[in-house]
Amino acid sequence: MSSTGPSDSSSNPSMLHGHAAYVAAAVKETVGSYTSTDMQNAGSADKQAAIDEMRAAKQASDAQGEEISKNQTLGKVEKSLGSVTGCEGMEEEGAKRQA
């Protein structure tokens, strides 16, 4: 279990929490690359857990037939954050919101 994830993230995945956890994990991984291998490895593991949570949330959303909201502003922000943090999923979702 990720140290940034809630105890029920596997049973109730959240796209918003997944994105926030990914950003926090990316920061931890980057800081760890300068300070300690343990911190860097923990950041990598947390980042993967966040990716898994986002995928689970997307699958749950798709299964319910929900459409992605068309929101230009949110899409631009999400795409930019994805680009900065290296999260391809965020970039893709942001582009879909802008379409």
PDB file of N, CA and C in Angstrom:
ATOM      1  N   MET A   1       0.853  -1.185   0.000  1.00  0.00           N
ATOM      2  CA  MET A   1       0.000   0.000   0.000  1.00  0.00           C
ATOM      3  C   MET A   1       0.882   1.226   0.000  1.00  0.00           C
ATOM      4  N   SER A   2       0.491   2.189  -0.760  1.00  0.00           N
ATOM      5  CA  SER A   2       1.216   3.451  -0.860  1.00  0.00           C
ATOM      6  C   SER A   2       1.075   4.266   0.418  1.00  0.00           C
ATOM      7  N   SER A   3       2.113   4.974   0.767  1.00  0.00           N
ATOM      8  CA  SER A   3       2.024   5.824   1.945  1.00  0.00           C
ATOM      9  C   SER A   3       1.187   7.067   1.674  1.00  0.00           C
ATOM     10  N   THR A   4       0.948   7.388   0.393  1.00  0.00           N
ATOM     11  CA  THR A   4       0.138   8.551   0.068  1.00  0.00           C
ATOM     12  C   THR A   4      -1.313   8.191  -0.170  1.00  0.00           C
ATOM     13  N   GLY A   5      -1.643   6.903  -0.210  1.00  0.00           N
ATOM     14  CA  GLY A   5      -3.000   6.480  -0.542  1.00  0.00           C
ATOM     15  C   GLY A   5      -3.849   6.239   0.670  1.00  0.00           C
ATOM     16  N   PRO A   6      -5.171   6.426   0.510  1.00  0.00           N
ATOM     17  CA  PRO A   6      -6.072   6.126   1.603  1.00  0.00           C
ATOM     18  C   PRO A   6      -6.199   4.629   1.770  1.00  0.00           C
ATOM     19  N   SER A   7      -6.671   4.201   2.927  1.00  0.00           N
ATOM     20  CA  SER A   7      -6.741   2.773   3.198  1.00  0.00           C
ATOM     21  C   SER A   7      -7.737   2.064   2.307  1.00  0.00           C
ATOM     22  N   ASP A   8      -8.728   2.785   1.725  1.00  0.00           N
ATOM     23  CA  ASP A   8      -9.723   2.147   0.888  1.00  0.00           C
ATOM     24  C   ASP A   8      -9.574   2.479  -0.591  1.00  0.00           C
ATOM     25  N   SER A   9      -8.389   2.919  -1.034  1.00  0.00           N
ATOM     26  CA  SER A   9      -8.215   3.347  -2.416  1.00  0.00           C
ATOM     27  C   SER A   9      -8.427   2.210  -3.405  1.00  0.00           C
ATOM     28  N   SER A  10      -8.168   0.961  -3.008  1.00  0.00           N
ATOM     29  CA  SER A  10      -8.367  -0.137  -3.937  1.00  0.00           C
ATOM     30  C   SER A  10      -9.845  -0.463  -4.095  1.00  0.00           C
ATOM     31  N   SER A  11     -10.660  -0.232  -3.063  1.00  0.00           N
ATOM     32  CA  SER A  11     -12.085  -0.517  -3.158  1.00  0.00           C
ATOM     33  C   SER A  11     -12.873   0.689  -3.642  1.00  0.00           C
ATOM     34  N   ASN A  12     -12.313   1.878  -3.515  1.00  0.00           N
ATOM     35  CA  ASN A  12     -12.994   3.102  -3.932  1.00  0.00           C
ATOM     36  C   ASN A  12     -11.979   4.037  -4.575  1.00  0.00           C
ATOM     37  N   PRO A  13     -11.486   3.683  -5.782  1.00  0.00           N
ATOM     38  CA  PRO A  13     -10.442   4.497  -6.411  1.00  0.00           C
ATOM     39  C   PRO A  13     -10.964   5.865  -6.812  1.00  0.00           C
ATOM     40  N   SER A  14     -10.096   6.856  -6.707  1.00  0.00           N
ATOM     41  CA  SER A  14     -10.449   8.235  -7.022  1.00  0.00           C
ATOM     42  C   SER A  14      -9.437   8.810  -8.008  1.00  0.00           C
ATOM     43  N   MET A  15      -9.932   9.358  -9.098  1.00  0.00           N
ATOM     44  CA  MET A  15      -9.055   9.973 -10.086  1.00  0.00           C
ATOM     45  C   MET A  15      -8.354  11.188  -9.480  1.00  0.00           C
ATOM     46  N   LEU A  16      -9.104  11.988  -8.731  1.00  0.00           N
ATOM     47  CA  LEU A  16      -8.522  13.184  -8.113  1.00  0.00           C
ATOM     48  C   LEU A  16      -7.422  12.802  -7.122  1.00  0.00           C
ATOM     49  N   HIS A  17      -7.712  11.837  -6.252  1.00  0.00           N
ATOM     50  CA  HIS A  17      -6.694  11.407  -5.290  1.00  0.00           C
ATOM     51  C   HIS A  17      -5.503  10.797  -6.012  1.00  0.00           C
ATOM     52  N   GLY A  18      -5.751  10.034  -7.045  1.00  0.00           N
ATOM     53  CA  GLY A  18      -4.658   9.424  -7.811  1.00  0.00           C
ATOM     54  C   GLY A  18      -3.727  10.470  -8.399  1.00  0.00           C
ATOM     55  N   HIS A  19      -4.310  11.536  -8.954  1.00  0.00           N
ATOM     56  CA  HIS A  19      -3.482  12.606  -9.513  1.00  0.00           C
ATOM     57  C   HIS A  19      -2.660  13.300  -8.423  1.00  0.00           C
ATOM     58  N   ALA A  20      -3.319  13.601  -7.309  1.00  0.00           N
ATOM     59  CA  ALA A  20      -2.602  14.269  -6.206  1.00  0.00           C
ATOM     60  C   ALA A  20      -1.483  13.378  -5.672  1.00  0.00           C
ATOM     61  N   ALA A  21      -1.778  12.084  -5.527  1.00  0.00           N
ATOM     62  CA  ALA A  21      -0.768  11.143  -5.033  1.00  0.00           C
ATOM     63  C   ALA A  21       0.392  11.023  -6.023  1.00  0.00           C
ATOM     64  N   TYR A  22       0.091  11.070  -7.319  1.00  0.00           N
ATOM     65  CA  TYR A  22       1.134  10.977  -8.338  1.00  0.00           C
ATOM     66  C   TYR A  22       2.086  12.164  -8.243  1.00  0.00           C
ATOM     67  N   VAL A  23       1.518  13.344  -8.123  1.00  0.00           N
ATOM     68  CA  VAL A  23       2.354  14.546  -8.034  1.00  0.00           C
ATOM     69  C   VAL A  23       3.239  14.488  -6.785  1.00  0.00           C
ATOM     70  N   ALA A  24       2.650  14.106  -5.651  1.00  0.00           N
ATOM     71  CA  ALA A  24       3.424  13.996  -4.403  1.00  0.00           C
ATOM     72  C   ALA A  24       4.526  12.953  -4.544  1.00  0.00           C
ATOM     73  N   ALA A  25       4.206  11.834  -5.179  1.00  0.00           N
ATOM     74  CA  ALA A  25       5.204  10.773  -5.360  1.00  0.00           C
ATOM     75  C   ALA A  25       6.320  11.206  -6.301  1.00  0.00           C
ATOM     76  N   ALA A  26       5.967  11.954  -7.344  1.00  0.00           N
ATOM     77  CA  ALA A  26       6.993  12.444  -8.274  1.00  0.00           C
ATOM     78  C   ALA A  26       7.956  13.378  -7.562  1.00  0.00           C
ATOM     79  N   VAL A  27       7.422  14.229  -6.683  1.00  0.00           N
ATOM     80  CA  VAL A  27       8.281  15.121  -5.899  1.00  0.00           C
ATOM     81  C   VAL A  27       9.185  14.307  -4.982  1.00  0.00           C
ATOM     82  N   LYS A  28       8.603  13.317  -4.292  1.00  0.00           N
ATOM     83  CA  LYS A  28       9.385  12.462  -3.387  1.00  0.00           C
ATOM     84  C   LYS A  28      10.494  11.739  -4.148  1.00  0.00           C
ATOM     85  N   GLU A  29      10.162  11.230  -5.334  1.00  0.00           N
ATOM     86  CA  GLU A  29      11.149  10.519  -6.141  1.00  0.00           C
ATOM     87  C   GLU A  29      12.283  11.453  -6.574  1.00  0.00           C
ATOM     88  N   THR A  30      11.932  12.662  -6.966  1.00  0.00           N
ATOM     89  CA  THR A  30      12.940  13.627  -7.405  1.00  0.00           C
ATOM     90  C   THR A  30      13.841  14.048  -6.251  1.00  0.00           C
ATOM     91  N   VAL A  31      13.240  14.378  -5.111  1.00  0.00           N
ATOM     92  CA  VAL A  31      14.038  14.751  -3.939  1.00  0.00           C
ATOM     93  C   VAL A  31      14.926  13.574  -3.532  1.00  0.00           C
ATOM     94  N   GLY A  32      14.368  12.378  -3.574  1.00  0.00           N
ATOM     95  CA  GLY A  32      15.138  11.187  -3.225  1.00  0.00           C
ATOM     96  C   GLY A  32      16.326  10.947  -4.135  1.00  0.00           C
ATOM     97  N   SER A  33      16.194  11.369  -5.399  1.00  0.00           N
ATOM     98  CA  SER A  33      17.319  11.185  -6.320  1.00  0.00           C
ATOM     99  C   SER A  33      18.532  12.023  -5.903  1.00  0.00           C
ATOM    100  N   TYR A  34      18.285  13.052  -5.081  1.00  0.00           N
ATOM    101  CA  TYR A  34      19.372  13.894  -4.577  1.00  0.00           C
ATOM    102  C   TYR A  34      19.774  13.548  -3.148  1.00  0.00           C
ATOM    103  N   THR A  35      18.869  12.874  -2.410  1.00  0.00           N
ATOM    104  CA  THR A  35      19.132  12.667  -0.983  1.00  0.00           C
ATOM    105  C   THR A  35      19.363  11.218  -0.592  1.00  0.00           C
ATOM    106  N   SER A  36      18.448  10.317  -0.997  1.00  0.00           N
ATOM    107  CA  SER A  36      18.635   8.919  -0.607  1.00  0.00           C
ATOM    108  C   SER A  36      17.925   7.973  -1.566  1.00  0.00           C
ATOM    109  N   THR A  37      18.545   6.849  -1.792  1.00  0.00           N
ATOM    110  CA  THR A  37      17.974   5.833  -2.664  1.00  0.00           C
ATOM    111  C   THR A  37      16.668   5.301  -2.106  1.00  0.00           C
ATOM    112  N   ASP A  38      16.570   5.163  -0.777  1.00  0.00           N
ATOM    113  CA  ASP A  38      15.337   4.673  -0.163  1.00  0.00           C
ATOM    114  C   ASP A  38      14.164   5.601  -0.471  1.00  0.00           C
ATOM    115  N   MET A  39      14.390   6.904  -0.346  1.00  0.00           N
ATOM    116  CA  MET A  39      13.329   7.865  -0.628  1.00  0.00           C
ATOM    117  C   MET A  39      12.962   7.847  -2.107  1.00  0.00           C
ATOM    118  N   GLN A  40      13.946   7.725  -2.958  1.00  0.00           N
ATOM    119  CA  GLN A  40      13.695   7.665  -4.396  1.00  0.00           C
ATOM    120  C   GLN A  40      12.872   6.425  -4.736  1.00  0.00           C
ATOM    121  N   ASN A  41      13.243   5.283  -4.158  1.00  0.00           N
ATOM    122  CA  ASN A  41      12.509   4.042  -4.404  1.00  0.00           C
ATOM    123  C   ASN A  41      11.084   4.121  -3.863  1.00  0.00           C
ATOM    124  N   ALA A  42      10.917   4.740  -2.697  1.00  0.00           N
ATOM    125  CA  ALA A  42       9.577   4.912  -2.128  1.00  0.00           C
ATOM    126  C   ALA A  42       8.737   5.800  -3.038  1.00  0.00           C
ATOM    127  N   GLY A  43       9.330   6.845  -3.590  1.00  0.00           N
ATOM    128  CA  GLY A  43       8.623   7.718  -4.524  1.00  0.00           C
ATOM    129  C   GLY A  43       8.188   6.968  -5.774  1.00  0.00           C
ATOM    130  N   SER A  44       9.072   6.112  -6.281  1.00  0.00           N
ATOM    131  CA  SER A  44       8.728   5.304  -7.459  1.00  0.00           C
ATOM    132  C   SER A  44       7.567   4.365  -7.165  1.00  0.00           C
ATOM    133  N   ALA A  45       7.611   3.720  -6.009  1.00  0.00           N
ATOM    134  CA  ALA A  45       6.542   2.790  -5.618  1.00  0.00           C
ATOM    135  C   ALA A  45       5.221   3.539  -5.430  1.00  0.00           C
ATOM    136  N   ASP A  46       5.285   4.704  -4.789  1.00  0.00           N
ATOM    137  CA  ASP A  46       4.073   5.501  -4.583  1.00  0.00           C
ATOM    138  C   ASP A  46       3.509   5.984  -5.920  1.00  0.00           C
ATOM    139  N   LYS A  47       4.405   6.311  -6.850  1.00  0.00           N
ATOM    140  CA  LYS A  47       3.971   6.766  -8.163  1.00  0.00           C
ATOM    141  C   LYS A  47       3.230   5.649  -8.899  1.00  0.00           C
ATOM    142  N   GLN A  48       3.750   4.434  -8.806  1.00  0.00           N
ATOM    143  CA  GLN A  48       3.083   3.303  -9.453  1.00  0.00           C
ATOM    144  C   GLN A  48       1.725   3.034  -8.812  1.00  0.00           C
ATOM    145  N   ALA A  49       1.648   3.151  -7.486  1.00  0.00           N
ATOM    146  CA  ALA A  49       0.369   2.969  -6.789  1.00  0.00           C
ATOM    147  C   ALA A  49      -0.646   4.016  -7.237  1.00  0.00           C
ATOM    148  N   ALA A  50      -0.190   5.243  -7.445  1.00  0.00           N
ATOM    149  CA  ALA A  50      -1.077   6.306  -7.907  1.00  0.00           C
ATOM    150  C   ALA A  50      -1.570   6.024  -9.329  1.00  0.00           C
ATOM    151  N   ILE A  51      -0.681   5.542 -10.177  1.00  0.00           N
ATOM    152  CA  ILE A  51      -1.056   5.173 -11.550  1.00  0.00           C
ATOM    153  C   ILE A  51      -2.107   4.072 -11.519  1.00  0.00           C
ATOM    154  N   ASP A  52      -1.886   3.075 -10.672  1.00  0.00           N
ATOM    155  CA  ASP A  52      -2.847   1.977 -10.551  1.00  0.00           C
ATOM    156  C   ASP A  52      -4.210   2.489 -10.085  1.00  0.00           C
ATOM    157  N   GLU A  53      -4.201   3.428  -9.133  1.00  0.00           N
ATOM    158  CA  GLU A  53      -5.462   3.993  -8.644  1.00  0.00           C
ATOM    159  C   GLU A  53      -6.178   4.766  -9.751  1.00  0.00           C
ATOM    160  N   MET A  54      -5.438   5.558 -10.533  1.00  0.00           N
ATOM    161  CA  MET A  54      -6.061   6.313 -11.618  1.00  0.00           C
ATOM    162  C   MET A  54      -6.652   5.377 -12.670  1.00  0.00           C
ATOM    163  N   ARG A  55      -5.933   4.297 -12.976  1.00  0.00           N
ATOM    164  CA  ARG A  55      -6.457   3.322 -13.946  1.00  0.00           C
ATOM    165  C   ARG A  55      -7.731   2.664 -13.422  1.00  0.00           C
ATOM    166  N   ALA A  56      -7.738   2.309 -12.138  1.00  0.00           N
ATOM    167  CA  ALA A  56      -8.920   1.693 -11.542  1.00  0.00           C
ATOM    168  C   ALA A  56     -10.099   2.668 -11.540  1.00  0.00           C
ATOM    169  N   ALA A  57      -9.835   3.923 -11.257  1.00  0.00           N
ATOM    170  CA  ALA A  57     -10.907   4.929 -11.264  1.00  0.00           C
ATOM    171  C   ALA A  57     -11.456   5.119 -12.672  1.00  0.00           C
ATOM    172  N   LYS A  58     -10.573   5.108 -13.662  1.00  0.00           N
ATOM    173  CA  LYS A  58     -11.026   5.250 -15.049  1.00  0.00           C
ATOM    174  C   LYS A  58     -11.859   4.052 -15.463  1.00  0.00           C
ATOM    175  N   GLN A  59     -11.432   2.852 -15.092  1.00  0.00           N
ATOM    176  CA  GLN A  59     -12.202   1.655 -15.431  1.00  0.00           C
ATOM    177  C   GLN A  59     -13.580   1.693 -14.776  1.00  0.00           C
ATOM    178  N   ALA A  60     -13.634   2.122 -13.528  1.00  0.00           N
ATOM    179  CA  ALA A  60     -14.915   2.211 -12.824  1.00  0.00           C
ATOM    180  C   ALA A  60     -15.820   3.236 -13.509  1.00  0.00           C
ATOM    181  N   SER A  61     -15.249   4.352 -13.912  1.00  0.00           N
ATOM    182  CA  SER A  61     -16.010   5.392 -14.597  1.00  0.00           C
ATOM    183  C   SER A  61     -16.517   4.884 -15.947  1.00  0.00           C
ATOM    184  N   ASP A  62     -15.648   4.221 -16.698  1.00  0.00           N
ATOM    185  CA  ASP A  62     -16.035   3.684 -18.005  1.00  0.00           C
ATOM    186  C   ASP A  62     -17.139   2.637 -17.858  1.00  0.00           C
ATOM    187  N   ALA A  63     -17.053   1.818 -16.817  1.00  0.00           N
ATOM    188  CA  ALA A  63     -18.040   0.772 -16.585  1.00  0.00           C
ATOM    189  C   ALA A  63     -19.416   1.359 -16.285  1.00  0.00           C
ATOM    190  N   GLN A  64     -19.426   2.557 -15.716  1.00  0.00           N
ATOM    191  CA  GLN A  64     -20.683   3.216 -15.390  1.00  0.00           C
ATOM    192  C   GLN A  64     -21.200   4.058 -16.559  1.00  0.00           C
ATOM    193  N   GLY A  65     -20.429   4.130 -17.628  1.00  0.00           N
ATOM    194  CA  GLY A  65     -20.858   4.868 -18.814  1.00  0.00           C
ATOM    195  C   GLY A  65     -20.760   6.371 -18.684  1.00  0.00           C
ATOM    196  N   GLU A  66     -19.957   6.864 -17.757  1.00  0.00           N
ATOM    197  CA  GLU A  66     -19.804   8.307 -17.591  1.00  0.00           C
ATOM    198  C   GLU A  66     -18.894   8.866 -18.676  1.00  0.00           C
ATOM    199  N   GLU A  67     -19.247  10.055 -19.150  1.00  0.00           N
ATOM    200  CA  GLU A  67     -18.405  10.724 -20.137  1.00  0.00           C
ATOM    201  C   GLU A  67     -17.482  11.711 -19.442  1.00  0.00           C
ATOM    202  N   ILE A  68     -16.364  11.969 -20.069  1.00  0.00           N
ATOM    203  CA  ILE A  68     -15.431  12.959 -19.546  1.00  0.00           C
ATOM    204  C   ILE A  68     -16.032  14.337 -19.773  1.00  0.00           C
ATOM    205  N   SER A  69     -16.039  15.130 -18.739  1.00  0.00           N
ATOM    206  CA  SER A  69     -16.578  16.489 -18.846  1.00  0.00           C
ATOM    207  C   SER A  69     -15.735  17.299 -19.826  1.00  0.00           C
ATOM    208  N   LYS A  70     -16.416  18.049 -20.652  1.00  0.00           N
ATOM    209  CA  LYS A  70     -15.730  18.935 -21.589  1.00  0.00           C
ATOM    210  C   LYS A  70     -15.522  20.269 -20.887  1.00  0.00           C
ATOM    211  N   ASN A  71     -14.335  20.493 -20.392  1.00  0.00           N
ATOM    212  CA  ASN A  71     -14.034  21.699 -19.651  1.00  0.00           C
ATOM    213  C   ASN A  71     -12.667  22.192 -20.114  1.00  0.00           C
ATOM    214  N   GLN A  72     -12.663  23.241 -20.924  1.00  0.00           N
ATOM    215  CA  GLN A  72     -11.425  23.752 -21.514  1.00  0.00           C
ATOM    216  C   GLN A  72     -10.383  24.130 -20.464  1.00  0.00           C
ATOM    217  N   THR A  73     -10.807  24.862 -19.438  1.00  0.00           N
ATOM    218  CA  THR A  73      -9.865  25.341 -18.425  1.00  0.00           C
ATOM    219  C   THR A  73      -9.271  24.169 -17.652  1.00  0.00           C
ATOM    220  N   LEU A  74     -10.134  23.282 -17.154  1.00  0.00           N
ATOM    221  CA  LEU A  74      -9.647  22.120 -16.419  1.00  0.00           C
ATOM    222  C   LEU A  74      -8.749  21.261 -17.300  1.00  0.00           C
ATOM    223  N   GLY A  75      -9.129  21.128 -18.564  1.00  0.00           N
ATOM    224  CA  GLY A  75      -8.321  20.340 -19.497  1.00  0.00           C
ATOM    225  C   GLY A  75      -6.927  20.909 -19.677  1.00  0.00           C
ATOM    226  N   LYS A  76      -6.834  22.237 -19.797  1.00  0.00           N
ATOM    227  CA  LYS A  76      -5.524  22.878 -19.960  1.00  0.00           C
ATOM    228  C   LYS A  76      -4.655  22.672 -18.721  1.00  0.00           C
ATOM    229  N   VAL A  77      -5.285  22.833 -17.541  1.00  0.00           N
ATOM    230  CA  VAL A  77      -4.540  22.652 -16.292  1.00  0.00           C
ATOM    231  C   VAL A  77      -4.068  21.211 -16.167  1.00  0.00           C
ATOM    232  N   GLU A  78      -4.971  20.263 -16.417  1.00  0.00           N
ATOM    233  CA  GLU A  78      -4.627  18.852 -16.290  1.00  0.00           C
ATOM    234  C   GLU A  78      -3.531  18.456 -17.276  1.00  0.00           C
ATOM    235  N   LYS A  79      -3.634  18.923 -18.499  1.00  0.00           N
ATOM    236  CA  LYS A  79      -2.623  18.611 -19.509  1.00  0.00           C
ATOM    237  C   LYS A  79      -1.265  19.194 -19.122  1.00  0.00           C
ATOM    238  N   SER A  80      -1.268  20.438 -18.621  1.00  0.00           N
ATOM    239  CA  SER A  80      -0.019  21.078 -18.211  1.00  0.00           C
ATOM    240  C   SER A  80       0.628  20.367 -17.032  1.00  0.00           C
ATOM    241  N   LEU A  81      -0.186  20.020 -16.018  1.00  0.00           N
ATOM    242  CA  LEU A  81       0.354  19.291 -14.867  1.00  0.00           C
ATOM    243  C   LEU A  81       0.914  17.942 -15.291  1.00  0.00           C
ATOM    244  N   GLY A  82       0.221  17.285 -16.203  1.00  0.00           N
ATOM    245  CA  GLY A  82       0.712  16.007 -16.703  1.00  0.00           C
ATOM    246  C   GLY A  82       2.049  16.135 -17.395  1.00  0.00           C
ATOM    247  N   SER A  83       2.191  17.206 -18.156  1.00  0.00           N
ATOM    248  CA  SER A  83       3.447  17.450 -18.858  1.00  0.00           C
ATOM    249  C   SER A  83       4.589  17.721 -17.878  1.00  0.00           C
ATOM    250  N   VAL A  84       4.308  18.541 -16.865  1.00  0.00           N
ATOM    251  CA  VAL A  84       5.333  18.908 -15.885  1.00  0.00           C
ATOM    252  C   VAL A  84       5.767  17.698 -15.058  1.00  0.00           C
ATOM    253  N   THR A  85       4.789  16.868 -14.660  1.00  0.00           N
ATOM    254  CA  THR A  85       5.112  15.733 -13.784  1.00  0.00           C
ATOM    255  C   THR A  85       5.475  14.469 -14.549  1.00  0.00           C
ATOM    256  N   GLY A  86       5.284  14.480 -15.862  1.00  0.00           N
ATOM    257  CA  GLY A  86       5.600  13.299 -16.655  1.00  0.00           C
ATOM    258  C   GLY A  86       4.512  12.245 -16.624  1.00  0.00           C
ATOM    259  N   CYS A  87       3.284  12.657 -16.301  1.00  0.00           N
ATOM    260  CA  CYS A  87       2.160  11.712 -16.229  1.00  0.00           C
ATOM    261  C   CYS A  87       1.408  11.748 -17.558  1.00  0.00           C
ATOM    262  N   GLU A  88       1.646  10.741 -18.385  1.00  0.00           N
ATOM    263  CA  GLU A  88       1.024  10.701 -19.703  1.00  0.00           C
ATOM    264  C   GLU A  88      -0.499  10.622 -19.616  1.00  0.00           C
ATOM    265  N   GLY A  89      -1.005   9.927 -18.603  1.00  0.00           N
ATOM    266  CA  GLY A  89      -2.447   9.807 -18.426  1.00  0.00           C
ATOM    267  C   GLY A  89      -3.103  11.156 -18.187  1.00  0.00           C
ATOM    268  N   MET A  90      -2.452  11.985 -17.365  1.00  0.00           N
ATOM    269  CA  MET A  90      -2.978  13.327 -17.116  1.00  0.00           C
ATOM    270  C   MET A  90      -2.985  14.147 -18.399  1.00  0.00           C
ATOM    271  N   GLU A  91      -1.928  14.030 -19.178  1.00  0.00           N
ATOM    272  CA  GLU A  91      -1.854  14.762 -20.437  1.00  0.00           C
ATOM    273  C   GLU A  91      -2.983  14.331 -21.373  1.00  0.00           C
ATOM    274  N   GLU A  92      -3.213  13.021 -21.463  1.00  0.00           N
ATOM    275  CA  GLU A  92      -4.255  12.497 -22.344  1.00  0.00           C
ATOM    276  C   GLU A  92      -5.642  12.936 -21.889  1.00  0.00           C
ATOM    277  N   GLU A  93      -5.908  12.832 -20.585  1.00  0.00           N
ATOM    278  CA  GLU A  93      -7.212  13.239 -20.069  1.00  0.00           C
ATOM    279  C   GLU A  93      -7.439  14.731 -20.265  1.00  0.00           C
ATOM    280  N   GLY A  94      -6.395  15.524 -20.066  1.00  0.00           N
ATOM    281  CA  GLY A  94      -6.507  16.958 -20.299  1.00  0.00           C
ATOM    282  C   GLY A  94      -6.830  17.279 -21.747  1.00  0.00           C
ATOM    283  N   ALA A  95      -6.186  16.575 -22.659  1.00  0.00           N
ATOM    284  CA  ALA A  95      -6.462  16.779 -24.085  1.00  0.00           C
ATOM    285  C   ALA A  95      -7.897  16.379 -24.429  1.00  0.00           C
ATOM    286  N   LYS A  96      -8.407  15.298 -23.824  1.00  0.00           N
ATOM    287  CA  LYS A  96      -9.787  14.876 -24.066  1.00  0.00           C
ATOM    288  C   LYS A  96     -10.782  15.907 -23.569  1.00  0.00           C
ATOM    289  N   ARG A  97     -10.484  16.523 -22.425  1.00  0.00           N
ATOM    290  CA  ARG A  97     -11.385  17.546 -21.875  1.00  0.00           C
ATOM    291  C   ARG A  97     -11.451  18.765 -22.789  1.00  0.00           C
ATOM    292  N   GLN A  98     -10.356  19.027 -23.495  1.00  0.00           N
ATOM    293  CA  GLN A  98     -10.303  20.199 -24.366  1.00  0.00           C
ATOM    294  C   GLN A  98     -10.962  19.945 -25.717  1.00  0.00           C
ATOM    295  N   ALA A  99     -11.142  18.688 -26.078  1.00  0.00           N
ATOM    296  CA  ALA A  99     -11.676  18.338 -27.404  1.00  0.00           C
ATOM    297  C   ALA A  99     -13.130  18.742 -27.571  1.00  0.00           C
TER     298      ALA A  99
END
